[in-house]
């Protein structure tokens, strides 16, 4: 029973982190484009959204375009980033 409780707690923690990554994407998209990201977000996988957070603004725009038009994966996005923007706060 304790194992189940610990796993459930971990599941909720990871789910919360994923929601925060999506919210961060929405905020950043709005700041850069002054538009809501709903239509764009629907076209991206979570892996793509998570990978984009490591790019600075100019690269973010370029890689977002590639993700939408060439459907590059999250791993391809990460490999394409020239100047890495580390996330030192994610657990």
PDB file of N, CA and C in Angstrom:
ATOM      1  N   UNK A   1       0.818  -1.192   0.000  1.00  0.00           N
ATOM      2  CA  UNK A   1       0.000   0.000   0.000  1.00  0.00           C
ATOM      3  C   UNK A   1       0.865   1.261   0.000  1.00  0.00           C
ATOM      4  N   UNK A   2       1.942   1.229   0.776  1.00  0.00           N
ATOM      5  CA  UNK A   2       2.849   2.371   0.828  1.00  0.00           C
ATOM      6  C   UNK A   2       3.466   2.618  -0.547  1.00  0.00           C
ATOM      7  N   UNK A   3       3.851   1.542  -1.229  1.00  0.00           N
ATOM      8  CA  UNK A   3       4.424   1.659  -2.573  1.00  0.00           C
ATOM      9  C   UNK A   3       3.439   2.341  -3.517  1.00  0.00           C
ATOM     10  N   UNK A   4       2.196   1.928  -3.456  1.00  0.00           N
ATOM     11  CA  UNK A   4       1.168   2.520  -4.315  1.00  0.00           C
ATOM     12  C   UNK A   4       1.000   4.014  -4.020  1.00  0.00           C
ATOM     13  N   UNK A   5       1.011   4.363  -2.759  1.00  0.00           N
ATOM     14  CA  UNK A   5       0.877   5.774  -2.379  1.00  0.00           C
ATOM     15  C   UNK A   5       2.060   6.593  -2.890  1.00  0.00           C
ATOM     16  N   UNK A   6       3.266   6.043  -2.785  1.00  0.00           N
ATOM     17  CA  UNK A   6       4.454   6.751  -3.270  1.00  0.00           C
ATOM     18  C   UNK A   6       4.426   6.909  -4.786  1.00  0.00           C
ATOM     19  N   UNK A   7       4.012   5.876  -5.486  1.00  0.00           N
ATOM     20  CA  UNK A   7       3.949   5.943  -6.948  1.00  0.00           C
ATOM     21  C   UNK A   7       2.878   6.932  -7.398  1.00  0.00           C
ATOM     22  N   UNK A   8       1.768   6.953  -6.712  1.00  0.00           N
ATOM     23  CA  UNK A   8       0.701   7.891  -7.049  1.00  0.00           C
ATOM     24  C   UNK A   8       1.160   9.330  -6.825  1.00  0.00           C
ATOM     25  N   UNK A   9       1.876   9.544  -5.742  1.00  0.00           N
ATOM     26  CA  UNK A   9       2.415  10.876  -5.453  1.00  0.00           C
ATOM     27  C   UNK A   9       3.382  11.306  -6.550  1.00  0.00           C
ATOM     28  N   UNK A  10       4.249  10.393  -6.977  1.00  0.00           N
ATOM     29  CA  UNK A  10       5.213  10.695  -8.040  1.00  0.00           C
ATOM     30  C   UNK A  10       4.497  10.986  -9.356  1.00  0.00           C
ATOM     31  N   UNK A  11       3.454  10.220  -9.633  1.00  0.00           N
ATOM     32  CA  UNK A  11       2.671  10.415 -10.858  1.00  0.00           C
ATOM     33  C   UNK A  11       2.077  11.823 -10.892  1.00  0.00           C
ATOM     34  N   UNK A  12       1.507  12.262  -9.796  1.00  0.00           N
ATOM     35  CA  UNK A  12       0.916  13.596  -9.737  1.00  0.00           C
ATOM     36  C   UNK A  12       1.986  14.683  -9.845  1.00  0.00           C
ATOM     37  N   UNK A  13       3.150  14.455  -9.242  1.00  0.00           N
ATOM     38  CA  UNK A  13       4.232  15.444  -9.316  1.00  0.00           C
ATOM     39  C   UNK A  13       4.708  15.613 -10.755  1.00  0.00           C
ATOM     40  N   UNK A  14       4.886  14.512 -11.470  1.00  0.00           N
ATOM     41  CA  UNK A  14       5.324  14.597 -12.867  1.00  0.00           C
ATOM     42  C   UNK A  14       4.250  15.232 -13.739  1.00  0.00           C
ATOM     43  N   UNK A  15       3.006  14.898 -13.481  1.00  0.00           N
ATOM     44  CA  UNK A  15       1.908  15.511 -14.227  1.00  0.00           C
ATOM     45  C   UNK A  15       1.867  17.014 -14.018  1.00  0.00           C
ATOM     46  N   UNK A  16       2.112  17.444 -12.798  1.00  0.00           N
ATOM     47  CA  UNK A  16       2.134  18.873 -12.488  1.00  0.00           C
ATOM     48  C   UNK A  16       3.288  19.566 -13.206  1.00  0.00           C
ATOM     49  N   UNK A  17       4.461  18.925 -13.222  1.00  0.00           N
ATOM     50  CA  UNK A  17       5.596  19.518 -13.935  1.00  0.00           C
ATOM     51  C   UNK A  17       5.284  19.654 -15.422  1.00  0.00           C
ATOM     52  N   UNK A  18       4.638  18.656 -15.992  1.00  0.00           N
ATOM     53  CA  UNK A  18       4.280  18.723 -17.411  1.00  0.00           C
ATOM     54  C   UNK A  18       3.302  19.862 -17.678  1.00  0.00           C
ATOM     55  N   UNK A  19       2.365  20.057 -16.787  1.00  0.00           N
ATOM     56  CA  UNK A  19       1.423  21.181 -16.946  1.00  0.00           C
ATOM     57  C   UNK A  19       2.157  22.512 -16.877  1.00  0.00           C
ATOM     58  N   UNK A  20       3.132  22.606 -15.989  1.00  0.00           N
ATOM     59  CA  UNK A  20       3.906  23.839 -15.871  1.00  0.00           C
ATOM     60  C   UNK A  20       4.732  24.102 -17.129  1.00  0.00           C
ATOM     61  N   UNK A  21       5.275  23.049 -17.731  1.00  0.00           N
ATOM     62  CA  UNK A  21       6.027  23.204 -18.984  1.00  0.00           C
ATOM     63  C   UNK A  21       5.107  23.756 -20.064  1.00  0.00           C
ATOM     64  N   UNK A  22       3.897  23.235 -20.142  1.00  0.00           N
ATOM     65  CA  UNK A  22       2.931  23.727 -21.136  1.00  0.00           C
ATOM     66  C   UNK A  22       2.542  25.185 -20.859  1.00  0.00           C
ATOM     67  N   UNK A  23       2.329  25.518 -19.600  1.00  0.00           N
ATOM     68  CA  UNK A  23       1.995  26.907 -19.242  1.00  0.00           C
ATOM     69  C   UNK A  23       3.143  27.859 -19.571  1.00  0.00           C
ATOM     70  N   UNK A  24       4.367  27.396 -19.328  1.00  0.00           N
ATOM     71  CA  UNK A  24       5.535  28.204 -19.670  1.00  0.00           C
ATOM     72  C   UNK A  24       5.587  28.447 -21.180  1.00  0.00           C
ATOM     73  N   UNK A  25       5.276  27.424 -21.973  1.00  0.00           N
ATOM     74  CA  UNK A  25       5.242  27.574 -23.432  1.00  0.00           C
ATOM     75  C   UNK A  25       4.195  28.612 -23.830  1.00  0.00           C
ATOM     76  N   UNK A  26       3.010  28.504 -23.256  1.00  0.00           N
ATOM     77  CA  UNK A  26       1.932  29.450 -23.577  1.00  0.00           C
ATOM     78  C   UNK A  26       2.348  30.887 -23.261  1.00  0.00           C
ATOM     79  N   UNK A  27       2.944  31.088 -22.109  1.00  0.00           N
ATOM     80  CA  UNK A  27       3.379  32.422 -21.698  1.00  0.00           C
ATOM     81  C   UNK A  27       4.459  32.954 -22.634  1.00  0.00           C
ATOM     82  N   UNK A  28       5.431  32.118 -22.928  1.00  0.00           N
ATOM     83  CA  UNK A  28       6.530  32.551 -23.791  1.00  0.00           C
ATOM     84  C   UNK A  28       6.031  32.860 -25.199  1.00  0.00           C
ATOM     85  N   UNK A  29       5.160  32.023 -25.716  1.00  0.00           N
ATOM     86  CA  UNK A  29       4.597  32.250 -27.044  1.00  0.00           C
ATOM     87  C   UNK A  29       3.868  33.594 -27.077  1.00  0.00           C
ATOM     88  N   UNK A  30       3.095  33.852 -26.045  1.00  0.00           N
ATOM     89  CA  UNK A  30       2.363  35.126 -25.977  1.00  0.00           C
ATOM     90  C   UNK A  30       3.323  36.312 -25.917  1.00  0.00           C
ATOM     91  N   UNK A  31       4.378  36.181 -25.134  1.00  0.00           N
ATOM     92  CA  UNK A  31       5.346  37.273 -25.018  1.00  0.00           C
ATOM     93  C   UNK A  31       6.062  37.541 -26.336  1.00  0.00           C
ATOM     94  N   UNK A  32       6.350  36.493 -27.098  1.00  0.00           N
ATOM     95  CA  UNK A  32       7.096  36.658 -28.349  1.00  0.00           C
ATOM     96  C   UNK A  32       6.219  37.069 -29.527  1.00  0.00           C
ATOM     97  N   UNK A  33       4.998  36.548 -29.574  1.00  0.00           N
ATOM     98  CA  UNK A  33       4.145  36.768 -30.742  1.00  0.00           C
ATOM     99  C   UNK A  33       2.908  37.620 -30.450  1.00  0.00           C
ATOM    100  N   UNK A  34       2.669  37.899 -29.187  1.00  0.00           N
ATOM    101  CA  UNK A  34       1.499  38.665 -28.755  1.00  0.00           C
ATOM    102  C   UNK A  34       0.186  38.030 -29.241  1.00  0.00           C
ATOM    103  N   UNK A  35       0.174  36.697 -29.255  1.00  0.00           N
ATOM    104  CA  UNK A  35      -1.014  35.928 -29.639  1.00  0.00           C
ATOM    105  C   UNK A  35      -1.135  34.722 -28.722  1.00  0.00           C
ATOM    106  N   UNK A  36      -2.349  34.223 -28.603  1.00  0.00           N
ATOM    107  CA  UNK A  36      -2.568  32.990 -27.845  1.00  0.00           C
ATOM    108  C   UNK A  36      -1.976  31.816 -28.613  1.00  0.00           C
ATOM    109  N   UNK A  37      -1.560  30.795 -27.899  1.00  0.00           N
ATOM    110  CA  UNK A  37      -0.867  29.667 -28.518  1.00  0.00           C
ATOM    111  C   UNK A  37      -1.743  28.438 -28.728  1.00  0.00           C
ATOM    112  N   UNK A  38      -3.039  28.538 -28.491  1.00  0.00           N
ATOM    113  CA  UNK A  38      -3.904  27.356 -28.510  1.00  0.00           C
ATOM    114  C   UNK A  38      -3.769  26.528 -29.787  1.00  0.00           C
ATOM    115  N   UNK A  39      -3.871  27.161 -30.942  1.00  0.00           N
ATOM    116  CA  UNK A  39      -3.802  26.427 -32.207  1.00  0.00           C
ATOM    117  C   UNK A  39      -2.426  25.820 -32.428  1.00  0.00           C
ATOM    118  N   UNK A  40      -1.396  26.550 -32.055  1.00  0.00           N
ATOM    119  CA  UNK A  40      -0.028  26.065 -32.226  1.00  0.00           C
ATOM    120  C   UNK A  40       0.236  24.901 -31.282  1.00  0.00           C
ATOM    121  N   UNK A  41      -0.167  25.046 -30.045  1.00  0.00           N
ATOM    122  CA  UNK A  41       0.090  24.012 -29.042  1.00  0.00           C
ATOM    123  C   UNK A  41      -0.558  22.687 -29.424  1.00  0.00           C
ATOM    124  N   UNK A  42      -1.728  22.738 -30.032  1.00  0.00           N
ATOM    125  CA  UNK A  42      -2.421  21.513 -30.449  1.00  0.00           C
ATOM    126  C   UNK A  42      -1.623  20.723 -31.477  1.00  0.00           C
ATOM    127  N   UNK A  43      -0.796  21.402 -32.249  1.00  0.00           N
ATOM    128  CA  UNK A  43      -0.039  20.756 -33.321  1.00  0.00           C
ATOM    129  C   UNK A  43       1.287  20.175 -32.846  1.00  0.00           C
ATOM    130  N   UNK A  44       1.696  20.493 -31.632  1.00  0.00           N
ATOM    131  CA  UNK A  44       2.985  20.053 -31.110  1.00  0.00           C
ATOM    132  C   UNK A  44       2.821  18.922 -30.102  1.00  0.00           C
ATOM    133  N   UNK A  45       3.788  18.028 -30.084  1.00  0.00           N
ATOM    134  CA  UNK A  45       3.805  16.988 -29.054  1.00  0.00           C
ATOM    135  C   UNK A  45       4.401  17.583 -27.775  1.00  0.00           C
ATOM    136  N   UNK A  46       4.208  16.883 -26.680  1.00  0.00           N
ATOM    137  CA  UNK A  46       4.793  17.377 -25.435  1.00  0.00           C
ATOM    138  C   UNK A  46       6.313  17.407 -25.543  1.00  0.00           C
ATOM    139  N   UNK A  47       6.901  16.418 -26.199  1.00  0.00           N
ATOM    140  CA  UNK A  47       8.353  16.380 -26.367  1.00  0.00           C
ATOM    141  C   UNK A  47       8.887  17.593 -27.105  1.00  0.00           C
ATOM    142  N   UNK A  48       8.163  18.036 -28.115  1.00  0.00           N
ATOM    143  CA  UNK A  48       8.566  19.231 -28.859  1.00  0.00           C
ATOM    144  C   UNK A  48       8.464  20.476 -27.977  1.00  0.00           C
ATOM    145  N   UNK A  49       7.375  20.577 -27.242  1.00  0.00           N
ATOM    146  CA  UNK A  49       7.179  21.730 -26.352  1.00  0.00           C
ATOM    147  C   UNK A  49       8.268  21.765 -25.287  1.00  0.00           C
ATOM    148  N   UNK A  50       8.558  20.617 -24.701  1.00  0.00           N
ATOM    149  CA  UNK A  50       9.578  20.546 -23.658  1.00  0.00           C
ATOM    150  C   UNK A  50      10.953  20.901 -24.214  1.00  0.00           C
ATOM    151  N   UNK A  51      11.257  20.463 -25.420  1.00  0.00           N
ATOM    152  CA  UNK A  51      12.565  20.751 -26.017  1.00  0.00           C
ATOM    153  C   UNK A  51      12.723  22.228 -26.352  1.00  0.00           C
ATOM    154  N   UNK A  52      11.655  22.861 -26.776  1.00  0.00           N
ATOM    155  CA  UNK A  52      11.725  24.276 -27.159  1.00  0.00           C
ATOM    156  C   UNK A  52      12.103  25.180 -25.991  1.00  0.00           C
ATOM    157  N   UNK A  53      11.845  24.734 -24.775  1.00  0.00           N
ATOM    158  CA  UNK A  53      12.138  25.600 -23.633  1.00  0.00           C
ATOM    159  C   UNK A  53      13.634  25.819 -23.429  1.00  0.00           C
ATOM    160  N   UNK A  54      14.472  24.989 -24.078  1.00  0.00           N
ATOM    161  CA  UNK A  54      15.918  25.126 -23.920  1.00  0.00           C
ATOM    162  C   UNK A  54      16.533  26.110 -24.914  1.00  0.00           C
ATOM    163  N   UNK A  55      15.731  26.655 -25.814  1.00  0.00           N
ATOM    164  CA  UNK A  55      16.235  27.594 -26.824  1.00  0.00           C
ATOM    165  C   UNK A  55      15.958  29.032 -26.398  1.00  0.00           C
ATOM    166  N   UNK A  56      16.911  29.900 -26.687  1.00  0.00           N
ATOM    167  CA  UNK A  56      16.669  31.328 -26.480  1.00  0.00           C
ATOM    168  C   UNK A  56      15.687  31.821 -27.533  1.00  0.00           C
ATOM    169  N   UNK A  57      15.190  33.022 -27.369  1.00  0.00           N
ATOM    170  CA  UNK A  57      14.053  33.521 -28.144  1.00  0.00           C
ATOM    171  C   UNK A  57      14.200  33.405 -29.658  1.00  0.00           C
ATOM    172  N   UNK A  58      15.325  33.839 -30.224  1.00  0.00           N
ATOM    173  CA  UNK A  58      15.465  33.791 -31.685  1.00  0.00           C
ATOM    174  C   UNK A  58      15.464  32.353 -32.186  1.00  0.00           C
ATOM    175  N   UNK A  59      16.211  31.491 -31.507  1.00  0.00           N
ATOM    176  CA  UNK A  59      16.217  30.077 -31.897  1.00  0.00           C
ATOM    177  C   UNK A  59      14.856  29.438 -31.641  1.00  0.00           C
ATOM    178  N   UNK A  60      14.201  29.867 -30.583  1.00  0.00           N
ATOM    179  CA  UNK A  60      12.864  29.359 -30.275  1.00  0.00           C
ATOM    180  C   UNK A  60      11.941  29.573 -31.463  1.00  0.00           C
ATOM    181  N   UNK A  61      11.967  30.775 -32.030  1.00  0.00           N
ATOM    182  CA  UNK A  61      11.104  31.088 -33.170  1.00  0.00           C
ATOM    183  C   UNK A  61      11.431  30.205 -34.369  1.00  0.00           C
ATOM    184  N   UNK A  62      12.722  30.059 -34.669  1.00  0.00           N
ATOM    185  CA  UNK A  62      13.148  29.237 -35.809  1.00  0.00           C
ATOM    186  C   UNK A  62      12.767  27.773 -35.606  1.00  0.00           C
ATOM    187  N   UNK A  63      13.048  27.261 -34.422  1.00  0.00           N
ATOM    188  CA  UNK A  63      12.783  25.848 -34.152  1.00  0.00           C
ATOM    189  C   UNK A  63      11.290  25.563 -34.045  1.00  0.00           C
ATOM    190  N   UNK A  64      10.532  26.515 -33.565  1.00  0.00           N
ATOM    191  CA  UNK A  64       9.078  26.358 -33.539  1.00  0.00           C
ATOM    192  C   UNK A  64       8.554  26.244 -34.965  1.00  0.00           C
ATOM    193  N   UNK A  65       9.054  27.083 -35.857  1.00  0.00           N
ATOM    194  CA  UNK A  65       8.652  27.025 -37.265  1.00  0.00           C
ATOM    195  C   UNK A  65       8.973  25.643 -37.847  1.00  0.00           C
ATOM    196  N   UNK A  66      10.185  25.147 -37.559  1.00  0.00           N
ATOM    197  CA  UNK A  66      10.573  23.824 -38.068  1.00  0.00           C
ATOM    198  C   UNK A  66       9.706  22.723 -37.462  1.00  0.00           C
ATOM    199  N   UNK A  67       9.413  22.841 -36.181  1.00  0.00           N
ATOM    200  CA  UNK A  67       8.579  21.828 -35.524  1.00  0.00           C
ATOM    201  C   UNK A  67       7.194  21.784 -36.160  1.00  0.00           C
ATOM    202  N   UNK A  68       6.662  22.930 -36.488  1.00  0.00           N
ATOM    203  CA  UNK A  68       5.322  22.998 -37.076  1.00  0.00           C
ATOM    204  C   UNK A  68       5.305  22.588 -38.544  1.00  0.00           C
ATOM    205  N   UNK A  69       6.320  22.972 -39.304  1.00  0.00           N
ATOM    206  CA  UNK A  69       6.299  22.756 -40.747  1.00  0.00           C
ATOM    207  C   UNK A  69       7.061  21.520 -41.208  1.00  0.00           C
ATOM    208  N   UNK A  70       8.080  21.116 -40.438  1.00  0.00           N
ATOM    209  CA  UNK A  70       8.864  19.942 -40.815  1.00  0.00           C
ATOM    210  C   UNK A  70       8.663  18.792 -39.837  1.00  0.00           C
ATOM    211  N   UNK A  71       7.892  19.043 -38.791  1.00  0.00           N
ATOM    212  CA  UNK A  71       7.585  18.049 -37.760  1.00  0.00           C
ATOM    213  C   UNK A  71       8.842  17.408 -37.169  1.00  0.00           C
ATOM    214  N   UNK A  72       9.841  18.230 -36.846  1.00  0.00           N
ATOM    215  CA  UNK A  72      11.038  17.682 -36.224  1.00  0.00           C
ATOM    216  C   UNK A  72      10.711  17.281 -34.785  1.00  0.00           C
ATOM    217  N   UNK A  73      11.366  16.248 -34.315  1.00  0.00           N
ATOM    218  CA  UNK A  73      11.085  15.700 -32.987  1.00  0.00           C
ATOM    219  C   UNK A  73      11.712  16.557 -31.893  1.00  0.00           C
ATOM    220  N   UNK A  74      11.350  16.255 -30.670  1.00  0.00           N
ATOM    221  CA  UNK A  74      11.946  16.944 -29.533  1.00  0.00           C
ATOM    222  C   UNK A  74      13.450  16.741 -29.484  1.00  0.00           C
ATOM    223  N   UNK A  75      13.910  15.519 -29.780  1.00  0.00           N
ATOM    224  CA  UNK A  75      15.350  15.253 -29.794  1.00  0.00           C
ATOM    225  C   UNK A  75      16.046  16.050 -30.893  1.00  0.00           C
ATOM    226  N   UNK A  76      15.423  16.156 -32.055  1.00  0.00           N
ATOM    227  CA  UNK A  76      16.004  16.948 -33.143  1.00  0.00           C
ATOM    228  C   UNK A  76      16.058  18.428 -32.765  1.00  0.00           C
ATOM    229  N   UNK A  77      15.041  18.886 -32.078  1.00  0.00           N
ATOM    230  CA  UNK A  77      15.036  20.279 -31.613  1.00  0.00           C
ATOM    231  C   UNK A  77      16.211  20.501 -30.668  1.00  0.00           C
ATOM    232  N   UNK A  78      16.383  19.602 -29.713  1.00  0.00           N
ATOM    233  CA  UNK A  78      17.480  19.744 -28.748  1.00  0.00           C
ATOM    234  C   UNK A  78      18.836  19.737 -29.442  1.00  0.00           C
ATOM    235  N   UNK A  79      19.021  18.850 -30.422  1.00  0.00           N
ATOM    236  CA  UNK A  79      20.297  18.788 -31.143  1.00  0.00           C
ATOM    237  C   UNK A  79      20.535  20.029 -32.003  1.00  0.00           C
ATOM    238  N   UNK A  80      19.479  20.721 -32.376  1.00  0.00           N
ATOM    239  CA  UNK A  80      19.596  21.908 -33.235  1.00  0.00           C
ATOM    240  C   UNK A  80      19.902  23.186 -32.464  1.00  0.00           C
ATOM    241  N   UNK A  81      19.744  23.151 -31.170  1.00  0.00           N
ATOM    242  CA  UNK A  81      19.958  24.357 -30.359  1.00  0.00           C
ATOM    243  C   UNK A  81      21.450  24.670 -30.297  1.00  0.00           C
ATOM    244  N   UNK A  82      21.802  25.870 -30.709  1.00  0.00           N
ATOM    245  CA  UNK A  82      23.207  26.289 -30.721  1.00  0.00           C
ATOM    246  C   UNK A  82      23.621  26.897 -29.381  1.00  0.00           C
ATOM    247  N   UNK A  83      22.742  27.681 -28.798  1.00  0.00           N
ATOM    248  CA  UNK A  83      23.015  28.302 -27.499  1.00  0.00           C
ATOM    249  C   UNK A  83      21.977  27.772 -26.513  1.00  0.00           C
ATOM    250  N   UNK A  84      22.424  26.910 -25.626  1.00  0.00           N
ATOM    251  CA  UNK A  84      21.542  26.186 -24.712  1.00  0.00           C
ATOM    252  C   UNK A  84      21.094  27.073 -23.566  1.00  0.00           C
ATOM    253  N   UNK A  85      19.816  27.049 -23.279  1.00  0.00           N
ATOM    254  CA  UNK A  85      19.218  27.785 -22.158  1.00  0.00           C
ATOM    255  C   UNK A  85      18.832  26.748 -21.106  1.00  0.00           C
ATOM    256  N   UNK A  86      19.717  26.533 -20.159  1.00  0.00           N
ATOM    257  CA  UNK A  86      19.531  25.454 -19.186  1.00  0.00           C
ATOM    258  C   UNK A  86      18.359  25.721 -18.249  1.00  0.00           C
ATOM    259  N   UNK A  87      17.696  24.642 -17.856  1.00  0.00           N
ATOM    260  CA  UNK A  87      16.638  24.721 -16.851  1.00  0.00           C
ATOM    261  C   UNK A  87      17.205  24.127 -15.568  1.00  0.00           C
ATOM    262  N   UNK A  88      17.670  24.973 -14.703  1.00  0.00           N
ATOM    263  CA  UNK A  88      18.324  24.520 -13.481  1.00  0.00           C
ATOM    264  C   UNK A  88      17.344  24.292 -12.342  1.00  0.00           C
ATOM    265  N   UNK A  89      16.054  24.518 -12.591  1.00  0.00           N
ATOM    266  CA  UNK A  89      15.064  24.413 -11.524  1.00  0.00           C
ATOM    267  C   UNK A  89      14.205  23.164 -11.611  1.00  0.00           C
ATOM    268  N   UNK A  90      14.219  22.465 -12.754  1.00  0.00           N
ATOM    269  CA  UNK A  90      13.381  21.273 -12.889  1.00  0.00           C
ATOM    270  C   UNK A  90      13.982  20.139 -12.081  1.00  0.00           C
ATOM    271  N   UNK A  91      13.139  19.408 -11.416  1.00  0.00           N
ATOM    272  CA  UNK A  91      13.582  18.307 -10.550  1.00  0.00           C
ATOM    273  C   UNK A  91      13.546  17.011 -11.323  1.00  0.00           C
TER     274      UNK A  91
END
